Amino acid sequence: MSTVGIICAVMLGVTGILCIIRIVRGPSMLDRTVAADVLMAATAGAFGIEAAIHRSTTTLPILVVLALVGFLGSVSIARFAPQTDEGDQR
C-alpha cells in the first residue's frame, strides 16, 4: 500500500471514530443523522480508495448502493423531522 493510501486510511478511520462518538453522544436526532450521513460518506470514500489502490471495478455497485442509501436516508429524515419555530434554539 502506498503512503497516500495509508494516510487516507488513517484519516477515514479517525473520521469514522468521531462520527460514531457523535452518533452515541449526539443531543438531537438531527445531529445523529448528520453524523450517520458523514459516516456513510466516509465508508463510500474508503471503498473508493480501495478500488483505486487495487485498480478494480468490483466495488462500484457497492459505492452506488451506499450513495443511494445515504441520500435516501438523509432525505427521509429531513422530510419527517419535526419542524421547529425560528425563535426556538437548542
C-alpha atoms as a PDB file:
ATOM      1  CA  MET A   1       0.000   0.000   0.000  1.00  0.00           C
ATOM      2  CA  SER A   2       1.343   3.414  -0.861  1.00  0.00           C
ATOM      3  CA  THR A   3       1.893   6.264   1.543  1.00  0.00           C
ATOM      4  CA  VAL A   4      -1.126   8.112   0.193  1.00  0.00           C
ATOM      5  CA  GLY A   5      -3.313   5.065   0.815  1.00  0.00           C
ATOM      6  CA  ILE A   6      -2.106   4.794   4.399  1.00  0.00           C
ATOM      7  CA  ILE A   7      -2.723   8.487   5.052  1.00  0.00           C
ATOM      8  CA  CYS A   8      -6.220   8.243   3.566  1.00  0.00           C
ATOM      9  CA  ALA A   9      -6.988   5.136   5.625  1.00  0.00           C
ATOM     10  CA  VAL A  10      -5.883   6.855   8.847  1.00  0.00           C
ATOM     11  CA  MET A  11      -7.938   9.970   8.100  1.00  0.00           C
ATOM     12  CA  LEU A  12     -11.031   7.926   7.242  1.00  0.00           C
ATOM     13  CA  GLY A  13     -10.545   5.860  10.400  1.00  0.00           C
ATOM     14  CA  VAL A  14     -10.405   8.984  12.561  1.00  0.00           C
ATOM     15  CA  THR A  15     -13.484  10.302  10.751  1.00  0.00           C
ATOM     16  CA  GLY A  16     -15.331   7.068  11.475  1.00  0.00           C
ATOM     17  CA  ILE A  17     -14.429   7.130  15.158  1.00  0.00           C
ATOM     18  CA  LEU A  18     -15.515  10.754  15.542  1.00  0.00           C
ATOM     19  CA  CYS A  19     -18.792  10.054  13.739  1.00  0.00           C
ATOM     20  CA  ILE A  20     -19.559   7.096  15.965  1.00  0.00           C
ATOM     21  CA  ILE A  21     -18.884   9.253  19.021  1.00  0.00           C
ATOM     22  CA  ARG A  22     -21.303  11.884  17.681  1.00  0.00           C
ATOM     23  CA  ILE A  23     -23.929   9.242  16.964  1.00  0.00           C
ATOM     24  CA  VAL A  24     -23.697   7.929  20.521  1.00  0.00           C
ATOM     25  CA  ARG A  25     -23.489  11.295  22.294  1.00  0.00           C
ATOM     26  CA  GLY A  26     -25.485  13.477  19.896  1.00  0.00           C
ATOM     27  CA  PRO A  27     -28.011  15.610  21.735  1.00  0.00           C
ATOM     28  CA  SER A  28     -30.616  15.569  18.974  1.00  0.00           C
ATOM     29  CA  MET A  29     -31.859  13.281  16.248  1.00  0.00           C
ATOM     30  CA  LEU A  30     -30.619  15.627  13.534  1.00  0.00           C
ATOM     31  CA  ASP A  31     -27.085  15.612  14.974  1.00  0.00           C
ATOM     32  CA  ARG A  32     -27.114  11.842  14.863  1.00  0.00           C
ATOM     33  CA  THR A  33     -28.451  11.914  11.307  1.00  0.00           C
ATOM     34  CA  VAL A  34     -25.692  14.218  10.094  1.00  0.00           C
ATOM     35  CA  ALA A  35     -23.068  12.025  11.791  1.00  0.00           C
ATOM     36  CA  ALA A  36     -24.547   8.906  10.178  1.00  0.00           C
ATOM     37  CA  ASP A  37     -24.515  10.635   6.793  1.00  0.00           C
ATOM     38  CA  VAL A  38     -20.855  11.619   7.211  1.00  0.00           C
ATOM     39  CA  LEU A  39     -20.057   8.055   8.310  1.00  0.00           C
ATOM     40  CA  MET A  40     -21.760   6.747   5.164  1.00  0.00           C
ATOM     41  CA  ALA A  41     -19.734   9.163   3.030  1.00  0.00           C
ATOM     42  CA  ALA A  42     -16.509   8.089   4.774  1.00  0.00           C
ATOM     43  CA  THR A  43     -17.369   4.449   4.135  1.00  0.00           C
ATOM     44  CA  ALA A  44     -18.013   5.184   0.470  1.00  0.00           C
ATOM     45  CA  GLY A  45     -14.704   7.044   0.342  1.00  0.00           C
ATOM     46  CA  ALA A  46     -12.934   4.057   1.862  1.00  0.00           C
ATOM     47  CA  PHE A  47     -14.426   1.750  -0.778  1.00  0.00           C
ATOM     48  CA  GLY A  48     -13.426   4.218  -3.479  1.00  0.00           C
ATOM     49  CA  ILE A  49      -9.843   4.382  -2.216  1.00  0.00           C
ATOM     50  CA  GLU A  50      -9.710   0.598  -2.015  1.00  0.00           C
ATOM     51  CA  ALA A  51     -10.921   0.374  -5.609  1.00  0.00           C
ATOM     52  CA  ALA A  52      -8.337   2.921  -6.738  1.00  0.00           C
ATOM     53  CA  ILE A  53      -5.452   1.207  -4.941  1.00  0.00           C
ATOM     54  CA  HIS A  54      -6.314  -2.265  -6.231  1.00  0.00           C
ATOM     55  CA  ARG A  55      -7.446  -0.970  -9.644  1.00  0.00           C
ATOM     56  CA  SER A  56     -10.627  -2.994  -9.623  1.00  0.00           C
ATOM     57  CA  THR A  57     -14.184  -2.101 -10.534  1.00  0.00           C
ATOM     58  CA  THR A  58     -15.884  -4.781  -8.480  1.00  0.00           C
ATOM     59  CA  THR A  59     -16.715  -2.321  -5.686  1.00  0.00           C
ATOM     60  CA  LEU A  60     -18.600   0.057  -7.977  1.00  0.00           C
ATOM     61  CA  PRO A  61     -22.031  -1.486  -7.213  1.00  0.00           C
ATOM     62  CA  ILE A  62     -21.286  -1.159  -3.503  1.00  0.00           C
ATOM     63  CA  LEU A  63     -20.472   2.524  -3.980  1.00  0.00           C
ATOM     64  CA  VAL A  64     -23.706   3.110  -5.868  1.00  0.00           C
ATOM     65  CA  VAL A  65     -25.781   1.384  -3.195  1.00  0.00           C
ATOM     66  CA  LEU A  66     -24.035   3.303  -0.386  1.00  0.00           C
ATOM     67  CA  ALA A  67     -24.647   6.614  -2.142  1.00  0.00           C
ATOM     68  CA  LEU A  68     -28.303   5.771  -2.726  1.00  0.00           C
ATOM     69  CA  VAL A  69     -28.907   4.605   0.843  1.00  0.00           C
ATOM     70  CA  GLY A  70     -27.154   7.658   2.266  1.00  0.00           C
ATOM     71  CA  PHE A  71     -29.127  10.053   0.086  1.00  0.00           C
ATOM     72  CA  LEU A  72     -32.487   8.420   0.750  1.00  0.00           C
ATOM     73  CA  GLY A  73     -31.809   8.229   4.482  1.00  0.00           C
ATOM     74  CA  SER A  74     -30.924  11.902   4.707  1.00  0.00           C
ATOM     75  CA  VAL A  75     -33.888  12.990   2.632  1.00  0.00           C
ATOM     76  CA  SER A  76     -36.338  10.873   4.620  1.00  0.00           C
ATOM     77  CA  ILE A  77     -35.062  12.177   7.963  1.00  0.00           C
ATOM     78  CA  ALA A  78     -35.173  15.763   6.691  1.00  0.00           C
ATOM     79  CA  ARG A  79     -38.685  15.237   5.361  1.00  0.00           C
ATOM     80  CA  PHE A  80     -40.133  13.751   8.530  1.00  0.00           C
ATOM     81  CA  ALA A  81     -38.120  15.668  11.136  1.00  0.00           C
ATOM     82  CA  PRO A  82     -40.273  17.801  13.408  1.00  0.00           C
ATOM     83  CA  GLN A  83     -40.380  21.429  12.356  1.00  0.00           C
ATOM     84  CA  THR A  84     -39.320  23.974  14.980  1.00  0.00           C
ATOM     85  CA  ASP A  85     -40.087  27.653  15.219  1.00  0.00           C
ATOM     86  CA  GLU A  86     -37.413  30.097  14.147  1.00  0.00           C
ATOM     87  CA  GLY A  87     -37.347  31.540  17.658  1.00  0.00           C
ATOM     88  CA  ASP A  88     -36.504  28.160  19.233  1.00  0.00           C
ATOM     89  CA  GLN A  89     -32.875  27.480  19.858  1.00  0.00           C
ATOM     90  CA  ARG A  90     -31.200  24.423  21.287  1.00  0.00           C
END
